[in-house]
Amino acid sequence: ASLASLIWFVSLGYGSKAAARVMAR
């Protein structure tokens, strides 16, 4: 559960950075 949580929050952080340009529209 801890590993899944770590992967989730790291993915959320990097994913939000990657999606920022698309979400600006």
mmCIF file of all heavy atoms, coordinates in Angstrom:
data_MODEL
# 
_entry.id   MODEL 
# 
loop_
_atom_site.group_PDB 
_atom_site.id 
_atom_site.type_symbol 
_atom_site.label_atom_id 
_atom_site.label_alt_id 
_atom_site.label_comp_id 
_atom_site.label_asym_id 
_atom_site.label_entity_id 
_atom_site.label_seq_id 
_atom_site.pdbx_PDB_ins_code 
_atom_site.Cartn_x 
_atom_site.Cartn_y 
_atom_site.Cartn_z 
_atom_site.occupancy 
_atom_site.B_iso_or_equiv 
_atom_site.pdbx_formal_charge 
_atom_site.auth_seq_id 
_atom_site.auth_comp_id 
_atom_site.auth_asym_id 
_atom_site.auth_atom_id 
_atom_site.pdbx_PDB_model_num 
ATOM 1   N N   . ALA A 1 1  ? 0.831  -1.208 0.000   1.00 0.00 ? 1  ALA A N   1 
ATOM 2   C CA  . ALA A 1 1  ? 0.000  0.000  0.000   1.00 0.00 ? 1  ALA A CA  1 
ATOM 3   C C   . ALA A 1 1  ? 0.865  1.257  0.000   1.00 0.00 ? 1  ALA A C   1 
ATOM 4   O O   . ALA A 1 1  ? 0.559  2.236  -0.692  1.00 0.00 ? 1  ALA A O   1 
ATOM 5   C CB  . ALA A 1 1  ? -0.928 -0.006 1.210   1.00 0.00 ? 1  ALA A CB  1 
ATOM 6   N N   . SER A 1 2  ? 1.951  1.243  0.755   1.00 0.00 ? 2  SER A N   1 
ATOM 7   C CA  . SER A 1 2  ? 2.861  2.391  0.788   1.00 0.00 ? 2  SER A CA  1 
ATOM 8   C C   . SER A 1 2  ? 3.534  2.597  -0.560  1.00 0.00 ? 2  SER A C   1 
ATOM 9   O O   . SER A 1 2  ? 3.672  3.728  -1.029  1.00 0.00 ? 2  SER A O   1 
ATOM 10  C CB  . SER A 1 2  ? 3.920  2.195  1.867   1.00 0.00 ? 2  SER A CB  1 
ATOM 11  O OG  . SER A 1 2  ? 3.327  2.095  3.132   1.00 0.00 ? 2  SER A OG  1 
ATOM 12  N N   . LEU A 1 3  ? 3.949  1.511  -1.182  1.00 0.00 ? 3  LEU A N   1 
ATOM 13  C CA  . LEU A 1 3  ? 4.584  1.602  -2.495  1.00 0.00 ? 3  LEU A CA  1 
ATOM 14  C C   . LEU A 1 3  ? 3.599  2.127  -3.540  1.00 0.00 ? 3  LEU A C   1 
ATOM 15  O O   . LEU A 1 3  ? 3.940  2.984  -4.361  1.00 0.00 ? 3  LEU A O   1 
ATOM 16  C CB  . LEU A 1 3  ? 5.132  0.241  -2.905  1.00 0.00 ? 3  LEU A CB  1 
ATOM 17  C CG  . LEU A 1 3  ? 5.928  0.189  -4.202  1.00 0.00 ? 3  LEU A CG  1 
ATOM 18  C CD1 . LEU A 1 3  ? 7.156  1.085  -4.116  1.00 0.00 ? 3  LEU A CD1 1 
ATOM 19  C CD2 . LEU A 1 3  ? 6.357  -1.242 -4.491  1.00 0.00 ? 3  LEU A CD2 1 
ATOM 20  N N   . ALA A 1 4  ? 2.376  1.638  -3.499  1.00 0.00 ? 4  ALA A N   1 
ATOM 21  C CA  . ALA A 1 4  ? 1.346  2.116  -4.432  1.00 0.00 ? 4  ALA A CA  1 
ATOM 22  C C   . ALA A 1 4  ? 1.076  3.603  -4.216  1.00 0.00 ? 4  ALA A C   1 
ATOM 23  O O   . ALA A 1 4  ? 0.925  4.361  -5.180  1.00 0.00 ? 4  ALA A O   1 
ATOM 24  C CB  . ALA A 1 4  ? 0.065  1.307  -4.262  1.00 0.00 ? 4  ALA A CB  1 
ATOM 25  N N   . SER A 1 5  ? 1.036  4.037  -2.966  1.00 0.00 ? 5  SER A N   1 
ATOM 26  C CA  . SER A 1 5  ? 0.817  5.441  -2.656  1.00 0.00 ? 5  SER A CA  1 
ATOM 27  C C   . SER A 1 5  ? 1.963  6.303  -3.170  1.00 0.00 ? 5  SER A C   1 
ATOM 28  O O   . SER A 1 5  ? 1.745  7.377  -3.751  1.00 0.00 ? 5  SER A O   1 
ATOM 29  C CB  . SER A 1 5  ? 0.662  5.618  -1.148  1.00 0.00 ? 5  SER A CB  1 
ATOM 30  O OG  . SER A 1 5  ? 0.442  6.964  -0.823  1.00 0.00 ? 5  SER A OG  1 
ATOM 31  N N   . LEU A 1 6  ? 3.184  5.844  -2.971  1.00 0.00 ? 6  LEU A N   1 
ATOM 32  C CA  . LEU A 1 6  ? 4.350  6.578  -3.452  1.00 0.00 ? 6  LEU A CA  1 
ATOM 33  C C   . LEU A 1 6  ? 4.316  6.714  -4.971  1.00 0.00 ? 6  LEU A C   1 
ATOM 34  O O   . LEU A 1 6  ? 4.500  7.809  -5.515  1.00 0.00 ? 6  LEU A O   1 
ATOM 35  C CB  . LEU A 1 6  ? 5.638  5.872  -3.014  1.00 0.00 ? 6  LEU A CB  1 
ATOM 36  C CG  . LEU A 1 6  ? 6.934  6.495  -3.506  1.00 0.00 ? 6  LEU A CG  1 
ATOM 37  C CD1 . LEU A 1 6  ? 7.179  7.821  -2.807  1.00 0.00 ? 6  LEU A CD1 1 
ATOM 38  C CD2 . LEU A 1 6  ? 8.088  5.551  -3.278  1.00 0.00 ? 6  LEU A CD2 1 
ATOM 39  N N   . ILE A 1 7  ? 4.039  5.611  -5.658  1.00 0.00 ? 7  ILE A N   1 
ATOM 40  C CA  . ILE A 1 7  ? 3.961  5.641  -7.124  1.00 0.00 ? 7  ILE A CA  1 
ATOM 41  C C   . ILE A 1 7  ? 2.847  6.582  -7.575  1.00 0.00 ? 7  ILE A C   1 
ATOM 42  O O   . ILE A 1 7  ? 3.018  7.365  -8.515  1.00 0.00 ? 7  ILE A O   1 
ATOM 43  C CB  . ILE A 1 7  ? 3.762  4.216  -7.688  1.00 0.00 ? 7  ILE A CB  1 
ATOM 44  C CG1 . ILE A 1 7  ? 5.027  3.393  -7.463  1.00 0.00 ? 7  ILE A CG1 1 
ATOM 45  C CG2 . ILE A 1 7  ? 3.375  4.257  -9.164  1.00 0.00 ? 7  ILE A CG2 1 
ATOM 46  C CD1 . ILE A 1 7  ? 4.852  1.911  -7.735  1.00 0.00 ? 7  ILE A CD1 1 
ATOM 47  N N   . TRP A 1 8  ? 1.696  6.536  -6.894  1.00 0.00 ? 8  TRP A N   1 
ATOM 48  C CA  . TRP A 1 8  ? 0.566  7.386  -7.255  1.00 0.00 ? 8  TRP A CA  1 
ATOM 49  C C   . TRP A 1 8  ? 0.928  8.863  -7.137  1.00 0.00 ? 8  TRP A C   1 
ATOM 50  O O   . TRP A 1 8  ? 0.684  9.646  -8.055  1.00 0.00 ? 8  TRP A O   1 
ATOM 51  C CB  . TRP A 1 8  ? -0.643 7.062  -6.388  1.00 0.00 ? 8  TRP A CB  1 
ATOM 52  C CG  . TRP A 1 8  ? -1.734 8.067  -6.494  1.00 0.00 ? 8  TRP A CG  1 
ATOM 53  C CD1 . TRP A 1 8  ? -2.108 8.991  -5.574  1.00 0.00 ? 8  TRP A CD1 1 
ATOM 54  C CD2 . TRP A 1 8  ? -2.600 8.285  -7.620  1.00 0.00 ? 8  TRP A CD2 1 
ATOM 55  N NE1 . TRP A 1 8  ? -3.137 9.752  -6.035  1.00 0.00 ? 8  TRP A NE1 1 
ATOM 56  C CE2 . TRP A 1 8  ? -3.462 9.341  -7.288  1.00 0.00 ? 8  TRP A CE2 1 
ATOM 57  C CE3 . TRP A 1 8  ? -2.721 7.683  -8.862  1.00 0.00 ? 8  TRP A CE3 1 
ATOM 58  C CZ2 . TRP A 1 8  ? -4.429 9.815  -8.162  1.00 0.00 ? 8  TRP A CZ2 1 
ATOM 59  C CZ3 . TRP A 1 8  ? -3.689 8.154  -9.729  1.00 0.00 ? 8  TRP A CZ3 1 
ATOM 60  C CH2 . TRP A 1 8  ? -4.531 9.201  -9.374  1.00 0.00 ? 8  TRP A CH2 1 
ATOM 61  N N   . PHE A 1 9  ? 1.499  9.276  -6.000  1.00 0.00 ? 9  PHE A N   1 
ATOM 62  C CA  . PHE A 1 9  ? 1.774  10.695 -5.800  1.00 0.00 ? 9  PHE A CA  1 
ATOM 63  C C   . PHE A 1 9  ? 2.916  11.197 -6.681  1.00 0.00 ? 9  PHE A C   1 
ATOM 64  O O   . PHE A 1 9  ? 2.870  12.331 -7.164  1.00 0.00 ? 9  PHE A O   1 
ATOM 65  C CB  . PHE A 1 9  ? 2.037  10.993 -4.323  1.00 0.00 ? 9  PHE A CB  1 
ATOM 66  C CG  . PHE A 1 9  ? 0.772  10.997 -3.518  1.00 0.00 ? 9  PHE A CG  1 
ATOM 67  C CD1 . PHE A 1 9  ? 0.536  10.021 -2.569  1.00 0.00 ? 9  PHE A CD1 1 
ATOM 68  C CD2 . PHE A 1 9  ? -0.189 11.967 -3.726  1.00 0.00 ? 9  PHE A CD2 1 
ATOM 69  C CE1 . PHE A 1 9  ? -0.633 10.024 -1.829  1.00 0.00 ? 9  PHE A CE1 1 
ATOM 70  C CE2 . PHE A 1 9  ? -1.366 11.976 -3.000  1.00 0.00 ? 9  PHE A CE2 1 
ATOM 71  C CZ  . PHE A 1 9  ? -1.596 11.000 -2.049  1.00 0.00 ? 9  PHE A CZ  1 
ATOM 72  N N   . VAL A 1 10 ? 3.911  10.385 -6.938  1.00 0.00 ? 10 VAL A N   1 
ATOM 73  C CA  . VAL A 1 10 ? 4.978  10.784 -7.856  1.00 0.00 ? 10 VAL A CA  1 
ATOM 74  C C   . VAL A 1 10 ? 4.405  10.917 -9.274  1.00 0.00 ? 10 VAL A C   1 
ATOM 75  O O   . VAL A 1 10 ? 4.682  11.896 -9.982  1.00 0.00 ? 10 VAL A O   1 
ATOM 76  C CB  . VAL A 1 10 ? 6.153  9.787  -7.816  1.00 0.00 ? 10 VAL A CB  1 
ATOM 77  C CG1 . VAL A 1 10 ? 7.124  10.029 -8.942  1.00 0.00 ? 10 VAL A CG1 1 
ATOM 78  C CG2 . VAL A 1 10 ? 6.869  9.875  -6.471  1.00 0.00 ? 10 VAL A CG2 1 
ATOM 79  N N   . SER A 1 11 ? 3.587  9.958  -9.693  1.00 0.00 ? 11 SER A N   1 
ATOM 80  C CA  . SER A 1 11 ? 2.951  10.026 -11.018 1.00 0.00 ? 11 SER A CA  1 
ATOM 81  C C   . SER A 1 11 ? 2.033  11.241 -11.127 1.00 0.00 ? 11 SER A C   1 
ATOM 82  O O   . SER A 1 11 ? 1.987  11.902 -12.172 1.00 0.00 ? 11 SER A O   1 
ATOM 83  C CB  . SER A 1 11 ? 2.141  8.764  -11.293 1.00 0.00 ? 11 SER A CB  1 
ATOM 84  O OG  . SER A 1 11 ? 2.961  7.639  -11.272 1.00 0.00 ? 11 SER A OG  1 
ATOM 85  N N   . LEU A 1 12 ? 1.320  11.544 -10.066 1.00 0.00 ? 12 LEU A N   1 
ATOM 86  C CA  . LEU A 1 12 ? 0.432  12.699 -10.053 1.00 0.00 ? 12 LEU A CA  1 
ATOM 87  C C   . LEU A 1 12 ? 1.225  13.990 -10.218 1.00 0.00 ? 12 LEU A C   1 
ATOM 88  O O   . LEU A 1 12 ? 0.823  14.882 -10.981 1.00 0.00 ? 12 LEU A O   1 
ATOM 89  C CB  . LEU A 1 12 ? -0.349 12.716 -8.738  1.00 0.00 ? 12 LEU A CB  1 
ATOM 90  C CG  . LEU A 1 12 ? -1.531 13.647 -8.632  1.00 0.00 ? 12 LEU A CG  1 
ATOM 91  C CD1 . LEU A 1 12 ? -2.595 13.275 -9.651  1.00 0.00 ? 12 LEU A CD1 1 
ATOM 92  C CD2 . LEU A 1 12 ? -2.098 13.580 -7.232  1.00 0.00 ? 12 LEU A CD2 1 
ATOM 93  N N   . GLY A 1 13 ? 2.352  14.082 -9.546  1.00 0.00 ? 13 GLY A N   1 
ATOM 94  C CA  . GLY A 1 13 ? 3.194  15.272 -9.658  1.00 0.00 ? 13 GLY A CA  1 
ATOM 95  C C   . GLY A 1 13 ? 3.769  15.453 -11.045 1.00 0.00 ? 13 GLY A C   1 
ATOM 96  O O   . GLY A 1 13 ? 3.657  16.531 -11.648 1.00 0.00 ? 13 GLY A O   1 
ATOM 97  N N   . TYR A 1 14 ? 4.380  14.408 -11.581 1.00 0.00 ? 14 TYR A N   1 
ATOM 98  C CA  . TYR A 1 14 ? 4.955  14.508 -12.921 1.00 0.00 ? 14 TYR A CA  1 
ATOM 99  C C   . TYR A 1 14 ? 3.878  14.608 -13.995 1.00 0.00 ? 14 TYR A C   1 
ATOM 100 O O   . TYR A 1 14 ? 4.047  15.292 -15.001 1.00 0.00 ? 14 TYR A O   1 
ATOM 101 C CB  . TYR A 1 14 ? 5.882  13.325 -13.218 1.00 0.00 ? 14 TYR A CB  1 
ATOM 102 C CG  . TYR A 1 14 ? 7.210  13.451 -12.519 1.00 0.00 ? 14 TYR A CG  1 
ATOM 103 C CD1 . TYR A 1 14 ? 7.567  12.572 -11.513 1.00 0.00 ? 14 TYR A CD1 1 
ATOM 104 C CD2 . TYR A 1 14 ? 8.109  14.456 -12.865 1.00 0.00 ? 14 TYR A CD2 1 
ATOM 105 C CE1 . TYR A 1 14 ? 8.789  12.687 -10.864 1.00 0.00 ? 14 TYR A CE1 1 
ATOM 106 C CE2 . TYR A 1 14 ? 9.328  14.582 -12.228 1.00 0.00 ? 14 TYR A CE2 1 
ATOM 107 C CZ  . TYR A 1 14 ? 9.658  13.687 -11.215 1.00 0.00 ? 14 TYR A CZ  1 
ATOM 108 O OH  . TYR A 1 14 ? 10.853 13.818 -10.584 1.00 0.00 ? 14 TYR A OH  1 
ATOM 109 N N   . GLY A 1 15 ? 2.760  13.921 -13.774 1.00 0.00 ? 15 GLY A N   1 
ATOM 110 C CA  . GLY A 1 15 ? 1.657  13.990 -14.735 1.00 0.00 ? 15 GLY A CA  1 
ATOM 111 C C   . GLY A 1 15 ? 1.041  15.371 -14.800 1.00 0.00 ? 15 GLY A C   1 
ATOM 112 O O   . GLY A 1 15 ? 0.675  15.847 -15.877 1.00 0.00 ? 15 GLY A O   1 
ATOM 113 N N   . SER A 1 16 ? 0.926  16.035 -13.656 1.00 0.00 ? 16 SER A N   1 
ATOM 114 C CA  . SER A 1 16 ? 0.361  17.385 -13.664 1.00 0.00 ? 16 SER A CA  1 
ATOM 115 C C   . SER A 1 16 ? 1.287  18.365 -14.366 1.00 0.00 ? 16 SER A C   1 
ATOM 116 O O   . SER A 1 16 ? 0.836  19.275 -15.061 1.00 0.00 ? 16 SER A O   1 
ATOM 117 C CB  . SER A 1 16 ? 0.077  17.858 -12.237 1.00 0.00 ? 16 SER A CB  1 
ATOM 118 O OG  . SER A 1 16 ? 1.277  17.961 -11.501 1.00 0.00 ? 16 SER A OG  1 
ATOM 119 N N   . LYS A 1 17 ? 2.577  18.154 -14.218 1.00 0.00 ? 17 LYS A N   1 
ATOM 120 C CA  . LYS A 1 17 ? 3.528  19.009 -14.923 1.00 0.00 ? 17 LYS A CA  1 
ATOM 121 C C   . LYS A 1 17 ? 3.408  18.788 -16.430 1.00 0.00 ? 17 LYS A C   1 
ATOM 122 O O   . LYS A 1 17 ? 3.426  19.739 -17.208 1.00 0.00 ? 17 LYS A O   1 
ATOM 123 C CB  . LYS A 1 17 ? 4.946  18.707 -14.450 1.00 0.00 ? 17 LYS A CB  1 
ATOM 124 C CG  . LYS A 1 17 ? 5.981  19.595 -15.062 1.00 0.00 ? 17 LYS A CG  1 
ATOM 125 C CD  . LYS A 1 17 ? 7.364  19.272 -14.533 1.00 0.00 ? 17 LYS A CD  1 
ATOM 126 C CE  . LYS A 1 17 ? 8.405  20.155 -15.202 1.00 0.00 ? 17 LYS A CE  1 
ATOM 127 N NZ  . LYS A 1 17 ? 9.752  19.832 -14.751 1.00 0.00 ? 17 LYS A NZ  1 
ATOM 128 N N   . ALA A 1 18 ? 3.265  17.553 -16.837 1.00 0.00 ? 18 ALA A N   1 
ATOM 129 C CA  . ALA A 1 18 ? 3.153  17.231 -18.254 1.00 0.00 ? 18 ALA A CA  1 
ATOM 130 C C   . ALA A 1 18 ? 1.823  17.711 -18.841 1.00 0.00 ? 18 ALA A C   1 
ATOM 131 O O   . ALA A 1 18 ? 1.755  18.113 -20.002 1.00 0.00 ? 18 ALA A O   1 
ATOM 132 C CB  . ALA A 1 18 ? 3.306  15.729 -18.469 1.00 0.00 ? 18 ALA A CB  1 
ATOM 133 N N   . ALA A 1 19 ? 0.761  17.683 -18.039 1.00 0.00 ? 19 ALA A N   1 
ATOM 134 C CA  . ALA A 1 19 ? -0.567 18.047 -18.538 1.00 0.00 ? 19 ALA A CA  1 
ATOM 135 C C   . ALA A 1 19 ? -0.854 19.543 -18.425 1.00 0.00 ? 19 ALA A C   1 
ATOM 136 O O   . ALA A 1 19 ? -1.898 20.004 -18.904 1.00 0.00 ? 19 ALA A O   1 
ATOM 137 C CB  . ALA A 1 19 ? -1.636 17.271 -17.778 1.00 0.00 ? 19 ALA A CB  1 
ATOM 138 N N   . ALA A 1 20 ? 0.040  20.307 -17.824 1.00 0.00 ? 20 ALA A N   1 
ATOM 139 C CA  . ALA A 1 20 ? -0.213 21.730 -17.592 1.00 0.00 ? 20 ALA A CA  1 
ATOM 140 C C   . ALA A 1 20 ? -0.488 22.483 -18.892 1.00 0.00 ? 20 ALA A C   1 
ATOM 141 O O   . ALA A 1 20 ? -1.380 23.336 -18.948 1.00 0.00 ? 20 ALA A O   1 
ATOM 142 C CB  . ALA A 1 20 ? 0.963  22.361 -16.856 1.00 0.00 ? 20 ALA A CB  1 
ATOM 143 N N   . ARG A 1 21 ? 0.240  22.180 -19.929 1.00 0.00 ? 21 ARG A N   1 
ATOM 144 C CA  . ARG A 1 21 ? 0.067  22.893 -21.202 1.00 0.00 ? 21 ARG A CA  1 
ATOM 145 C C   . ARG A 1 21 ? -1.298 22.580 -21.815 1.00 0.00 ? 21 ARG A C   1 
ATOM 146 O O   . ARG A 1 21 ? -1.978 23.475 -22.322 1.00 0.00 ? 21 ARG A O   1 
ATOM 147 C CB  . ARG A 1 21 ? 1.187  22.492 -22.162 1.00 0.00 ? 21 ARG A CB  1 
ATOM 148 C CG  . ARG A 1 21 ? 1.420  23.520 -23.233 1.00 0.00 ? 21 ARG A CG  1 
ATOM 149 C CD  . ARG A 1 21 ? 2.621  23.200 -24.077 1.00 0.00 ? 21 ARG A CD  1 
ATOM 150 N NE  . ARG A 1 21 ? 3.846  23.340 -23.269 1.00 0.00 ? 21 ARG A NE  1 
ATOM 151 C CZ  . ARG A 1 21 ? 5.007  22.806 -23.575 1.00 0.00 ? 21 ARG A CZ  1 
ATOM 152 N NH1 . ARG A 1 21 ? 5.127  22.086 -24.662 1.00 0.00 ? 21 ARG A NH1 1 
ATOM 153 N NH2 . ARG A 1 21 ? 6.059  22.987 -22.811 1.00 0.00 ? 21 ARG A NH2 1 
ATOM 154 N N   . VAL A 1 22 ? -1.696 21.324 -21.753 1.00 0.00 ? 22 VAL A N   1 
ATOM 155 C CA  . VAL A 1 22 ? -2.995 20.931 -22.310 1.00 0.00 ? 22 VAL A CA  1 
ATOM 156 C C   . VAL A 1 22 ? -4.136 21.500 -21.475 1.00 0.00 ? 22 VAL A C   1 
ATOM 157 O O   . VAL A 1 22 ? -5.136 21.976 -22.007 1.00 0.00 ? 22 VAL A O   1 
ATOM 158 C CB  . VAL A 1 22 ? -3.096 19.388 -22.385 1.00 0.00 ? 22 VAL A CB  1 
ATOM 159 C CG1 . VAL A 1 22 ? -4.471 18.957 -22.832 1.00 0.00 ? 22 VAL A CG1 1 
ATOM 160 C CG2 . VAL A 1 22 ? -2.029 18.827 -23.296 1.00 0.00 ? 22 VAL A CG2 1 
ATOM 161 N N   . MET A 1 23 ? -3.979 21.481 -20.155 1.00 0.00 ? 23 MET A N   1 
ATOM 162 C CA  . MET A 1 23 ? -5.039 21.948 -19.263 1.00 0.00 ? 23 MET A CA  1 
ATOM 163 C C   . MET A 1 23 ? -5.171 23.464 -19.243 1.00 0.00 ? 23 MET A C   1 
ATOM 164 O O   . MET A 1 23 ? -6.113 23.996 -18.664 1.00 0.00 ? 23 MET A O   1 
ATOM 165 C CB  . MET A 1 23 ? -4.807 21.415 -17.850 1.00 0.00 ? 23 MET A CB  1 
ATOM 166 C CG  . MET A 1 23 ? -4.875 19.903 -17.738 1.00 0.00 ? 23 MET A CG  1 
ATOM 167 S SD  . MET A 1 23 ? -6.392 19.180 -18.397 1.00 0.00 ? 23 MET A SD  1 
ATOM 168 C CE  . MET A 1 23 ? -7.567 19.691 -17.181 1.00 0.00 ? 23 MET A CE  1 
ATOM 169 N N   . ALA A 1 24 ? -4.256 24.168 -19.877 1.00 0.00 ? 24 ALA A N   1 
ATOM 170 C CA  . ALA A 1 24 ? -4.337 25.623 -19.942 1.00 0.00 ? 24 ALA A CA  1 
ATOM 171 C C   . ALA A 1 24 ? -5.385 26.084 -20.954 1.00 0.00 ? 24 ALA A C   1 
ATOM 172 O O   . ALA A 1 24 ? -5.782 27.247 -20.940 1.00 0.00 ? 24 ALA A O   1 
ATOM 173 C CB  . ALA A 1 24 ? -2.969 26.207 -20.296 1.00 0.00 ? 24 ALA A CB  1 
ATOM 174 N N   . ARG A 1 25 ? -5.845 25.184 -21.805 1.00 0.00 ? 25 ARG A N   1 
ATOM 175 C CA  . ARG A 1 25 ? -6.831 25.536 -22.828 1.00 0.00 ? 25 ARG A CA  1 
ATOM 176 C C   . ARG A 1 25 ? -8.252 25.426 -22.277 1.00 0.00 ? 25 ARG A C   1 
ATOM 177 O O   . ARG A 1 25 ? -8.605 24.421 -21.653 1.00 0.00 ? 25 ARG A O   1 
ATOM 178 C CB  . ARG A 1 25 ? -6.704 24.605 -24.024 1.00 0.00 ? 25 ARG A CB  1 
ATOM 179 C CG  . ARG A 1 25 ? -5.389 24.715 -24.725 1.00 0.00 ? 25 ARG A CG  1 
ATOM 180 C CD  . ARG A 1 25 ? -5.404 23.874 -25.981 1.00 0.00 ? 25 ARG A CD  1 
ATOM 181 N NE  . ARG A 1 25 ? -4.092 23.279 -26.154 1.00 0.00 ? 25 ARG A NE  1 
ATOM 182 C CZ  . ARG A 1 25 ? -3.870 22.119 -26.699 1.00 0.00 ? 25 ARG A CZ  1 
ATOM 183 N NH1 . ARG A 1 25 ? -4.869 21.381 -27.132 1.00 0.00 ? 25 ARG A NH1 1 
ATOM 184 N NH2 . ARG A 1 25 ? -2.645 21.663 -26.829 1.00 0.00 ? 25 ARG A NH2 1 
# 
